[in-house]
C-alpha atoms as a PDB file:
ATOM      1  CA  MET A   1       0.000   0.000   0.000  1.00  0.00           C
ATOM      2  CA  ASP A   2       1.367   3.402  -0.972  1.00  0.00           C
ATOM      3  CA  LEU A   3       1.380   6.597   1.109  1.00  0.00           C
ATOM      4  CA  GLU A   4      -1.953   7.773  -0.322  1.00  0.00           C
ATOM      5  CA  GLY A   5      -3.548   4.435   0.489  1.00  0.00           C
ATOM      6  CA  TRP A   6      -2.280   4.619   4.060  1.00  0.00           C
ATOM      7  CA  SER A   7      -3.573   8.182   4.438  1.00  0.00           C
ATOM      8  CA  VAL A   8      -7.058   7.088   3.345  1.00  0.00           C
ATOM      9  CA  PHE A   9      -6.903   4.070   5.647  1.00  0.00           C
ATOM     10  CA  PHE A  10      -5.862   6.300   8.575  1.00  0.00           C
ATOM     11  CA  CYS A  11      -8.669   8.779   7.854  1.00  0.00           C
ATOM     12  CA  MET A  12     -11.255   5.993   7.732  1.00  0.00           C
ATOM     13  CA  ALA A  13      -9.955   4.353  10.919  1.00  0.00           C
ATOM     14  CA  TYR A  14      -9.870   7.725  12.721  1.00  0.00           C
ATOM     15  CA  SER A  15     -13.380   8.604  11.570  1.00  0.00           C
ATOM     16  CA  ILE A  16     -14.717   5.257  12.797  1.00  0.00           C
ATOM     17  CA  GLN A  17     -13.146   5.815  16.222  1.00  0.00           C
ATOM     18  CA  THR A  18     -14.506   9.352  16.530  1.00  0.00           C
ATOM     19  CA  LEU A  19     -17.809   8.438  14.851  1.00  0.00           C
ATOM     20  CA  ASN A  20     -17.628  11.677  12.867  1.00  0.00           C
ATOM     21  CA  PRO A  21     -19.642  11.348   9.616  1.00  0.00           C
ATOM     22  CA  LEU A  22     -17.792  14.283   8.035  1.00  0.00           C
ATOM     23  CA  LEU A  23     -14.387  12.668   8.601  1.00  0.00           C
ATOM     24  CA  PHE A  24     -15.836   9.406   7.314  1.00  0.00           C
ATOM     25  CA  LEU A  25     -16.976  11.053   4.074  1.00  0.00           C
ATOM     26  CA  LEU A  26     -13.608  12.749   3.456  1.00  0.00           C
ATOM     27  CA  PRO A  27     -11.662   9.611   2.400  1.00  0.00           C
ATOM     28  CA  LEU A  28     -14.622   8.545   0.272  1.00  0.00           C
ATOM     29  CA  ALA A  29     -14.559  11.899  -1.521  1.00  0.00           C
ATOM     30  CA  PHE A  30     -10.781  11.742  -2.015  1.00  0.00           C
ATOM     31  CA  SER A  31     -10.998   8.185  -3.365  1.00  0.00           C
ATOM     32  CA  ASN A  32     -13.603   9.387  -5.880  1.00  0.00           C
ATOM     33  CA  PHE A  33     -11.706  12.482  -7.045  1.00  0.00           C
ATOM     34  CA  LEU A  34      -8.155  11.090  -6.912  1.00  0.00           C
ATOM     35  CA  PRO A  35      -7.056   8.180  -9.142  1.00  0.00           C
ATOM     36  CA  PHE A  36      -6.397   5.545  -6.465  1.00  0.00           C
ATOM     37  CA  ASP A  37      -5.396   2.099  -7.675  1.00  0.00           C
ATOM     38  CA  ARG A  38      -7.685  -0.321  -5.840  1.00  0.00           C
ATOM     39  CA  THR A  39      -6.689  -3.424  -7.801  1.00  0.00           C
END
């Protein structure tokens, strides 16, 4: 996993711990706008 993948993973894990819907939507938005390689 590259640095961008780790950053998204950290954001998702942090948002789940804090139960903040806004922080949870951030990595989803970034994954949609930025060309992440999910394969």
